[in-house]
Amino acid sequence: MTAKKQAKSAAEEGTRAYCGPTIPGVAKQFTFYRGGVPEALAEAQKQHPVLGGLIVPLEQLPEAMEQLRKKTGPIYALYLKAQARN
């Protein structure tokens, strides 16, 4: 994929939020990203693919937050896996 196509697809993604546990130097919980995620988070995601499931479109953030609050659902399961990696 060319750099131009990558930039376009990242822009089309819209705003996304990281719902996982805070990872010092990588990502803070409930941080918003527009136009892709930072390099540190992308590298962490390559090493621990579970982190990718914790980056959700802004429209899905209320549901993700509810799952975390209620400690149930797929987002919470991913959160626990991500937390165990720390």
PDB file of N, CA and C in Angstrom:
ATOM      1  N   MET A   1       0.858  -1.182   0.000  1.00  0.00           N
ATOM      2  CA  MET A   1       0.000   0.000   0.000  1.00  0.00           C
ATOM      3  C   MET A   1       0.900   1.240   0.000  1.00  0.00           C
ATOM      4  N   THR A   2       0.591   2.206  -0.830  1.00  0.00           N
ATOM      5  CA  THR A   2       1.400   3.411  -0.897  1.00  0.00           C
ATOM      6  C   THR A   2       1.132   4.296   0.307  1.00  0.00           C
ATOM      7  N   ALA A   3       2.049   5.220   0.550  1.00  0.00           N
ATOM      8  CA  ALA A   3       1.907   6.130   1.688  1.00  0.00           C
ATOM      9  C   ALA A   3       0.646   6.981   1.545  1.00  0.00           C
ATOM     10  N   LYS A   4       0.324   7.353   0.313  1.00  0.00           N
ATOM     11  CA  LYS A   4      -0.871   8.164   0.083  1.00  0.00           C
ATOM     12  C   LYS A   4      -2.138   7.376   0.429  1.00  0.00           C
ATOM     13  N   LYS A   5      -2.191   6.096   0.015  1.00  0.00           N
ATOM     14  CA  LYS A   5      -3.354   5.263   0.332  1.00  0.00           C
ATOM     15  C   LYS A   5      -3.445   4.998   1.828  1.00  0.00           C
ATOM     16  N   GLN A   6      -2.288   4.800   2.492  1.00  0.00           N
ATOM     17  CA  GLN A   6      -2.293   4.584   3.941  1.00  0.00           C
ATOM     18  C   GLN A   6      -2.819   5.815   4.657  1.00  0.00           C
ATOM     19  N   ALA A   7      -2.385   6.996   4.245  1.00  0.00           N
ATOM     20  CA  ALA A   7      -2.846   8.231   4.873  1.00  0.00           C
ATOM     21  C   ALA A   7      -4.345   8.398   4.664  1.00  0.00           C
ATOM     22  N   LYS A   8      -4.818   8.070   3.454  1.00  0.00           N
ATOM     23  CA  LYS A   8      -6.242   8.200   3.169  1.00  0.00           C
ATOM     24  C   LYS A   8      -7.052   7.227   4.019  1.00  0.00           C
ATOM     25  N   SER A   9      -6.613   5.957   4.128  1.00  0.00           N
ATOM     26  CA  SER A   9      -7.377   4.992   4.915  1.00  0.00           C
ATOM     27  C   SER A   9      -7.343   5.354   6.390  1.00  0.00           C
ATOM     28  N   ALA A  10      -6.241   5.899   6.889  1.00  0.00           N
ATOM     29  CA  ALA A  10      -6.168   6.327   8.284  1.00  0.00           C
ATOM     30  C   ALA A  10      -7.126   7.484   8.531  1.00  0.00           C
ATOM     31  N   ALA A  11      -7.219   8.404   7.580  1.00  0.00           N
ATOM     32  CA  ALA A  11      -8.126   9.537   7.726  1.00  0.00           C
ATOM     33  C   ALA A  11      -9.576   9.078   7.690  1.00  0.00           C
ATOM     34  N   GLU A  12      -9.863   8.048   6.887  1.00  0.00           N
ATOM     35  CA  GLU A  12     -11.226   7.532   6.787  1.00  0.00           C
ATOM     36  C   GLU A  12     -11.653   6.782   8.048  1.00  0.00           C
ATOM     37  N   GLU A  13     -10.673   6.305   8.833  1.00  0.00           N
ATOM     38  CA  GLU A  13     -10.985   5.587  10.062  1.00  0.00           C
ATOM     39  C   GLU A  13     -11.760   6.456  11.045  1.00  0.00           C
ATOM     40  N   GLY A  14     -11.507   7.729  11.032  1.00  0.00           N
ATOM     41  CA  GLY A  14     -12.147   8.613  11.997  1.00  0.00           C
ATOM     42  C   GLY A  14     -11.447   8.535  13.340  1.00  0.00           C
ATOM     43  N   THR A  15     -12.109   9.047  14.346  1.00  0.00           N
ATOM     44  CA  THR A  15     -11.540   9.073  15.685  1.00  0.00           C
ATOM     45  C   THR A  15     -11.742   7.724  16.351  1.00  0.00           C
ATOM     46  N   ARG A  16     -10.686   7.244  16.977  1.00  0.00           N
ATOM     47  CA  ARG A  16     -10.719   5.973  17.680  1.00  0.00           C
ATOM     48  C   ARG A  16     -10.233   6.197  19.104  1.00  0.00           C
ATOM     49  N   ALA A  17     -10.636   5.341  20.018  1.00  0.00           N
ATOM     50  CA  ALA A  17     -10.249   5.463  21.420  1.00  0.00           C
ATOM     51  C   ALA A  17      -9.615   4.164  21.898  1.00  0.00           C
ATOM     52  N   TYR A  18      -8.584   4.306  22.712  1.00  0.00           N
ATOM     53  CA  TYR A  18      -7.938   3.145  23.316  1.00  0.00           C
ATOM     54  C   TYR A  18      -8.608   2.888  24.662  1.00  0.00           C
ATOM     55  N   CYS A  19      -9.173   1.698  24.841  1.00  0.00           N
ATOM     56  CA  CYS A  19      -9.931   1.350  26.055  1.00  0.00           C
ATOM     57  C   CYS A  19      -9.172   0.432  26.992  1.00  0.00           C
ATOM     58  N   GLY A  20      -7.971   0.070  26.637  1.00  0.00           N
ATOM     59  CA  GLY A  20      -7.213  -0.865  27.457  1.00  0.00           C
ATOM     60  C   GLY A  20      -6.580  -0.189  28.660  1.00  0.00           C
ATOM     61  N   PRO A  21      -5.860  -0.986  29.442  1.00  0.00           N
ATOM     62  CA  PRO A  21      -5.181  -0.426  30.603  1.00  0.00           C
ATOM     63  C   PRO A  21      -4.059   0.511  30.160  1.00  0.00           C
ATOM     64  N   THR A  22      -3.738   1.478  30.990  1.00  0.00           N
ATOM     65  CA  THR A  22      -2.646   2.391  30.674  1.00  0.00           C
ATOM     66  C   THR A  22      -1.342   1.616  30.600  1.00  0.00           C
ATOM     67  N   ILE A  23      -0.590   1.880  29.541  1.00  0.00           N
ATOM     68  CA  ILE A  23       0.727   1.272  29.347  1.00  0.00           C
ATOM     69  C   ILE A  23       1.718   2.431  29.313  1.00  0.00           C
ATOM     70  N   PRO A  24       2.488   2.610  30.386  1.00  0.00           N
ATOM     71  CA  PRO A  24       3.410   3.753  30.455  1.00  0.00           C
ATOM     72  C   PRO A  24       4.303   3.849  29.211  1.00  0.00           C
ATOM     73  N   GLY A  25       4.360   5.037  28.658  1.00  0.00           N
ATOM     74  CA  GLY A  25       5.173   5.289  27.477  1.00  0.00           C
ATOM     75  C   GLY A  25       4.562   4.812  26.174  1.00  0.00           C
ATOM     76  N   VAL A  26       3.382   4.192  26.248  1.00  0.00           N
ATOM     77  CA  VAL A  26       2.753   3.654  25.036  1.00  0.00           C
ATOM     78  C   VAL A  26       1.369   4.259  24.837  1.00  0.00           C
ATOM     79  N   ALA A  27       0.472   4.063  25.799  1.00  0.00           N
ATOM     80  CA  ALA A  27      -0.908   4.540  25.657  1.00  0.00           C
ATOM     81  C   ALA A  27      -1.548   4.709  27.031  1.00  0.00           C
ATOM     82  N   LYS A  28      -2.379   5.719  27.129  1.00  0.00           N
ATOM     83  CA  LYS A  28      -3.139   5.968  28.344  1.00  0.00           C
ATOM     84  C   LYS A  28      -4.595   5.597  28.069  1.00  0.00           C
ATOM     85  N   GLN A  29      -5.238   4.965  29.043  1.00  0.00           N
ATOM     86  CA  GLN A  29      -6.626   4.547  28.858  1.00  0.00           C
ATOM     87  C   GLN A  29      -7.505   5.728  28.466  1.00  0.00           C
ATOM     88  N   PHE A  30      -8.406   5.470  27.540  1.00  0.00           N
ATOM     89  CA  PHE A  30      -9.375   6.424  26.998  1.00  0.00           C
ATOM     90  C   PHE A  30      -8.729   7.614  26.283  1.00  0.00           C
ATOM     91  N   THR A  31      -7.585   7.349  25.643  1.00  0.00           N
ATOM     92  CA  THR A  31      -6.965   8.355  24.791  1.00  0.00           C
ATOM     93  C   THR A  31      -7.581   8.244  23.409  1.00  0.00           C
ATOM     94  N   PHE A  32      -7.826   9.385  22.773  1.00  0.00           N
ATOM     95  CA  PHE A  32      -8.423   9.431  21.440  1.00  0.00           C
ATOM     96  C   PHE A  32      -7.338   9.624  20.396  1.00  0.00           C
ATOM     97  N   TYR A  33      -7.497   8.936  19.278  1.00  0.00           N
ATOM     98  CA  TYR A  33      -6.549   9.044  18.168  1.00  0.00           C
ATOM     99  C   TYR A  33      -7.316   9.332  16.889  1.00  0.00           C
ATOM    100  N   ARG A  34      -6.750  10.213  16.118  1.00  0.00           N
ATOM    101  CA  ARG A  34      -7.346  10.570  14.838  1.00  0.00           C
ATOM    102  C   ARG A  34      -6.279  10.401  13.771  1.00  0.00           C
ATOM    103  N   GLY A  35      -6.620   9.678  12.718  1.00  0.00           N
ATOM    104  CA  GLY A  35      -5.645   9.471  11.649  1.00  0.00           C
ATOM    105  C   GLY A  35      -4.636   8.374  11.976  1.00  0.00           C
ATOM    106  N   GLY A  36      -5.030   7.412  12.764  1.00  0.00           N
ATOM    107  CA  GLY A  36      -4.147   6.303  13.107  1.00  0.00           C
ATOM    108  C   GLY A  36      -3.622   6.411  14.524  1.00  0.00           C
ATOM    109  N   VAL A  37      -2.992   5.343  14.970  1.00  0.00           N
ATOM    110  CA  VAL A  37      -2.442   5.311  16.330  1.00  0.00           C
ATOM    111  C   VAL A  37      -0.962   5.669  16.289  1.00  0.00           C
ATOM    112  N   PRO A  38      -0.414   6.122  17.416  1.00  0.00           N
ATOM    113  CA  PRO A  38       1.011   6.450  17.437  1.00  0.00           C
ATOM    114  C   PRO A  38       1.882   5.202  17.234  1.00  0.00           C
ATOM    115  N   GLU A  39       3.086   5.413  16.825  1.00  0.00           N
ATOM    116  CA  GLU A  39       4.013   4.327  16.524  1.00  0.00           C
ATOM    117  C   GLU A  39       4.216   3.405  17.725  1.00  0.00           C
ATOM    118  N   ALA A  40       4.336   3.955  18.917  1.00  0.00           N
ATOM    119  CA  ALA A  40       4.557   3.132  20.114  1.00  0.00           C
ATOM    120  C   ALA A  40       3.407   2.150  20.331  1.00  0.00           C
ATOM    121  N   LEU A  41       2.186   2.606  20.131  1.00  0.00           N
ATOM    122  CA  LEU A  41       1.025   1.733  20.296  1.00  0.00           C
ATOM    123  C   LEU A  41       0.953   0.710  19.163  1.00  0.00           C
ATOM    124  N   ALA A  42       1.295   1.117  17.968  1.00  0.00           N
ATOM    125  CA  ALA A  42       1.303   0.193  16.833  1.00  0.00           C
ATOM    126  C   ALA A  42       2.324  -0.926  17.061  1.00  0.00           C
ATOM    127  N   GLU A  43       3.488  -0.583  17.597  1.00  0.00           N
ATOM    128  CA  GLU A  43       4.513  -1.596  17.890  1.00  0.00           C
ATOM    129  C   GLU A  43       4.052  -2.524  19.010  1.00  0.00           C
ATOM    130  N   ALA A  44       3.439  -1.968  20.046  1.00  0.00           N
ATOM    131  CA  ALA A  44       2.927  -2.787  21.146  1.00  0.00           C
ATOM    132  C   ALA A  44       1.842  -3.729  20.637  1.00  0.00           C
ATOM    133  N   GLN A  45       1.044  -3.250  19.706  1.00  0.00           N
ATOM    134  CA  GLN A  45      -0.034  -4.065  19.131  1.00  0.00           C
ATOM    135  C   GLN A  45       0.537  -5.225  18.322  1.00  0.00           C
ATOM    136  N   LYS A  46       1.670  -5.015  17.655  1.00  0.00           N
ATOM    137  CA  LYS A  46       2.308  -6.100  16.905  1.00  0.00           C
ATOM    138  C   LYS A  46       2.775  -7.200  17.853  1.00  0.00           C
ATOM    139  N   GLN A  47       3.288  -6.806  19.017  1.00  0.00           N
ATOM    140  CA  GLN A  47       3.772  -7.775  19.990  1.00  0.00           C
ATOM    141  C   GLN A  47       2.632  -8.431  20.758  1.00  0.00           C
ATOM    142  N   HIS A  48       1.554  -7.672  20.979  1.00  0.00           N
ATOM    143  CA  HIS A  48       0.403  -8.149  21.748  1.00  0.00           C
ATOM    144  C   HIS A  48      -0.868  -7.790  20.981  1.00  0.00           C
ATOM    145  N   PRO A  49      -1.278  -8.624  20.026  1.00  0.00           N
ATOM    146  CA  PRO A  49      -2.429  -8.320  19.164  1.00  0.00           C
ATOM    147  C   PRO A  49      -3.725  -8.015  19.909  1.00  0.00           C
ATOM    148  N   VAL A  50      -3.846  -8.472  21.142  1.00  0.00           N
ATOM    149  CA  VAL A  50      -5.056  -8.200  21.921  1.00  0.00           C
ATOM    150  C   VAL A  50      -5.313  -6.692  22.045  1.00  0.00           C
ATOM    151  N   LEU A  51      -4.270  -5.890  22.005  1.00  0.00           N
ATOM    152  CA  LEU A  51      -4.427  -4.434  22.132  1.00  0.00           C
ATOM    153  C   LEU A  51      -5.245  -3.854  20.981  1.00  0.00           C
ATOM    154  N   GLY A  52      -5.175  -4.473  19.817  1.00  0.00           N
ATOM    155  CA  GLY A  52      -5.940  -3.991  18.667  1.00  0.00           C
ATOM    156  C   GLY A  52      -7.437  -4.017  18.903  1.00  0.00           C
ATOM    157  N   GLY A  53      -7.906  -4.991  19.654  1.00  0.00           N
ATOM    158  CA  GLY A  53      -9.329  -5.084  19.964  1.00  0.00           C
ATOM    159  C   GLY A  53      -9.792  -4.048  20.973  1.00  0.00           C
ATOM    160  N   LEU A  54      -8.827  -3.381  21.605  1.00  0.00           N
ATOM    161  CA  LEU A  54      -9.158  -2.356  22.593  1.00  0.00           C
ATOM    162  C   LEU A  54      -9.099  -0.948  22.015  1.00  0.00           C
ATOM    163  N   ILE A  55      -8.869  -0.864  20.709  1.00  0.00           N
ATOM    164  CA  ILE A  55      -8.908   0.425  20.015  1.00  0.00           C
ATOM    165  C   ILE A  55     -10.210   0.434  19.229  1.00  0.00           C
ATOM    166  N   VAL A  56     -11.167   1.209  19.712  1.00  0.00           N
ATOM    167  CA  VAL A  56     -12.521   1.160  19.154  1.00  0.00           C
ATOM    168  C   VAL A  56     -12.903   2.487  18.505  1.00  0.00           C
ATOM    169  N   PRO A  57     -13.788   2.450  17.511  1.00  0.00           N
ATOM    170  CA  PRO A  57     -14.307   3.694  16.939  1.00  0.00           C
ATOM    171  C   PRO A  57     -15.032   4.499  18.015  1.00  0.00           C
ATOM    172  N   LEU A  58     -14.984   5.779  17.892  1.00  0.00           N
ATOM    173  CA  LEU A  58     -15.588   6.670  18.882  1.00  0.00           C
ATOM    174  C   LEU A  58     -17.048   6.324  19.141  1.00  0.00           C
ATOM    175  N   GLU A  59     -17.759   5.889  18.111  1.00  0.00           N
ATOM    176  CA  GLU A  59     -19.172   5.555  18.248  1.00  0.00           C
ATOM    177  C   GLU A  59     -19.384   4.358  19.193  1.00  0.00           C
ATOM    178  N   GLN A  60     -18.377   3.503  19.317  1.00  0.00           N
ATOM    179  CA  GLN A  60     -18.491   2.310  20.163  1.00  0.00           C
ATOM    180  C   GLN A  60     -17.964   2.533  21.577  1.00  0.00           C
ATOM    181  N   LEU A  61     -17.416   3.702  21.849  1.00  0.00           N
ATOM    182  CA  LEU A  61     -16.831   3.968  23.162  1.00  0.00           C
ATOM    183  C   LEU A  61     -17.826   3.841  24.308  1.00  0.00           C
ATOM    184  N   PRO A  62     -19.050   4.372  24.214  1.00  0.00           N
ATOM    185  CA  PRO A  62     -19.975   4.204  25.345  1.00  0.00           C
ATOM    186  C   PRO A  62     -20.231   2.735  25.692  1.00  0.00           C
ATOM    187  N   GLU A  63     -20.387   1.892  24.688  1.00  0.00           N
ATOM    188  CA  GLU A  63     -20.603   0.465  24.932  1.00  0.00           C
ATOM    189  C   GLU A  63     -19.364  -0.162  25.561  1.00  0.00           C
ATOM    190  N   ALA A  64     -18.189   0.197  25.079  1.00  0.00           N
ATOM    191  CA  ALA A  64     -16.953  -0.343  25.638  1.00  0.00           C
ATOM    192  C   ALA A  64     -16.796   0.072  27.102  1.00  0.00           C
ATOM    193  N   MET A  65     -17.099   1.318  27.395  1.00  0.00           N
ATOM    194  CA  MET A  65     -16.996   1.805  28.775  1.00  0.00           C
ATOM    195  C   MET A  65     -17.989   1.090  29.684  1.00  0.00           C
ATOM    196  N   GLU A  66     -19.169   0.813  29.163  1.00  0.00           N
ATOM    197  CA  GLU A  66     -20.178   0.102  29.948  1.00  0.00           C
ATOM    198  C   GLU A  66     -19.708  -1.327  30.258  1.00  0.00           C
ATOM    199  N   GLN A  67     -19.113  -1.982  29.271  1.00  0.00           N
ATOM    200  CA  GLN A  67     -18.599  -3.324  29.502  1.00  0.00           C
ATOM    201  C   GLN A  67     -17.507  -3.314  30.563  1.00  0.00           C
ATOM    202  N   LEU A  68     -16.641  -2.320  30.513  1.00  0.00           N
ATOM    203  CA  LEU A  68     -15.582  -2.229  31.514  1.00  0.00           C
ATOM    204  C   LEU A  68     -16.164  -1.952  32.902  1.00  0.00           C
ATOM    205  N   ARG A  69     -17.163  -1.096  32.965  1.00  0.00           N
ATOM    206  CA  ARG A  69     -17.783  -0.758  34.247  1.00  0.00           C
ATOM    207  C   ARG A  69     -18.500  -1.962  34.844  1.00  0.00           C
ATOM    208  N   LYS A  70     -19.199  -2.715  33.991  1.00  0.00           N
ATOM    209  CA  LYS A  70     -19.959  -3.880  34.454  1.00  0.00           C
ATOM    210  C   LYS A  70     -19.088  -5.139  34.586  1.00  0.00           C
ATOM    211  N   LYS A  71     -17.858  -5.045  34.093  1.00  0.00           N
ATOM    212  CA  LYS A  71     -16.915  -6.168  34.128  1.00  0.00           C
ATOM    213  C   LYS A  71     -17.490  -7.402  33.428  1.00  0.00           C
ATOM    214  N   THR A  72     -17.969  -7.161  32.215  1.00  0.00           N
ATOM    215  CA  THR A  72     -18.539  -8.230  31.406  1.00  0.00           C
ATOM    216  C   THR A  72     -18.387  -7.872  29.926  1.00  0.00           C
ATOM    217  N   GLY A  73     -18.438  -8.866  29.068  1.00  0.00           N
ATOM    218  CA  GLY A  73     -18.416  -8.632  27.622  1.00  0.00           C
ATOM    219  C   GLY A  73     -17.042  -8.807  27.015  1.00  0.00           C
ATOM    220  N   PRO A  74     -16.990  -8.758  25.683  1.00  0.00           N
ATOM    221  CA  PRO A  74     -15.735  -9.007  24.971  1.00  0.00           C
ATOM    222  C   PRO A  74     -14.658  -7.951  25.223  1.00  0.00           C
ATOM    223  N   ILE A  75     -15.044  -6.705  25.377  1.00  0.00           N
ATOM    224  CA  ILE A  75     -14.046  -5.660  25.641  1.00  0.00           C
ATOM    225  C   ILE A  75     -13.391  -5.908  26.998  1.00  0.00           C
ATOM    226  N   TYR A  76     -14.203  -6.271  27.983  1.00  0.00           N
ATOM    227  CA  TYR A  76     -13.650  -6.546  29.309  1.00  0.00           C
ATOM    228  C   TYR A  76     -12.712  -7.759  29.265  1.00  0.00           C
ATOM    229  N   ALA A  77     -13.071  -8.778  28.512  1.00  0.00           N
ATOM    230  CA  ALA A  77     -12.211  -9.960  28.380  1.00  0.00           C
ATOM    231  C   ALA A  77     -10.864  -9.569  27.768  1.00  0.00           C
ATOM    232  N   LEU A  78     -10.882  -8.725  26.742  1.00  0.00           N
ATOM    233  CA  LEU A  78      -9.644  -8.247  26.126  1.00  0.00           C
ATOM    234  C   LEU A  78      -8.848  -7.394  27.108  1.00  0.00           C
ATOM    235  N   TYR A  79      -9.551  -6.589  27.875  1.00  0.00           N
ATOM    236  CA  TYR A  79      -8.910  -5.730  28.871  1.00  0.00           C
ATOM    237  C   TYR A  79      -8.123  -6.586  29.866  1.00  0.00           C
ATOM    238  N   LEU A  80      -8.749  -7.668  30.349  1.00  0.00           N
ATOM    239  CA  LEU A  80      -8.072  -8.548  31.301  1.00  0.00           C
ATOM    240  C   LEU A  80      -6.838  -9.187  30.691  1.00  0.00           C
ATOM    241  N   LYS A  81      -6.920  -9.594  29.427  1.00  0.00           N
ATOM    242  CA  LYS A  81      -5.761 -10.182  28.737  1.00  0.00           C
ATOM    243  C   LYS A  81      -4.644  -9.151  28.596  1.00  0.00           C
ATOM    244  N   ALA A  82      -5.015  -7.922  28.247  1.00  0.00           N
ATOM    245  CA  ALA A  82      -4.027  -6.858  28.105  1.00  0.00           C
ATOM    246  C   ALA A  82      -3.392  -6.528  29.450  1.00  0.00           C
ATOM    247  N   GLN A  83      -4.203  -6.527  30.478  1.00  0.00           N
ATOM    248  CA  GLN A  83      -3.712  -6.224  31.817  1.00  0.00           C
ATOM    249  C   GLN A  83      -2.729  -7.303  32.288  1.00  0.00           C
ATOM    250  N   ALA A  84      -2.976  -8.531  31.927  1.00  0.00           N
ATOM    251  CA  ALA A  84      -2.107  -9.632  32.325  1.00  0.00           C
ATOM    252  C   ALA A  84      -0.729  -9.551  31.663  1.00  0.00           C
ATOM    253  N   ARG A  85      -0.647  -8.905  30.536  1.00  0.00           N
ATOM    254  CA  ARG A  85       0.630  -8.782  29.819  1.00  0.00           C
ATOM    255  C   ARG A  85       1.562  -7.789  30.485  1.00  0.00           C
ATOM    256  N   ASN A  86       1.024  -6.896  31.319  1.00  0.00           N
ATOM    257  CA  ASN A  86       1.858  -5.879  31.993  1.00  0.00           C
ATOM    258  C   ASN A  86       2.611  -6.452  33.151  1.00  0.00           C
TER     259      ASN A  86
END
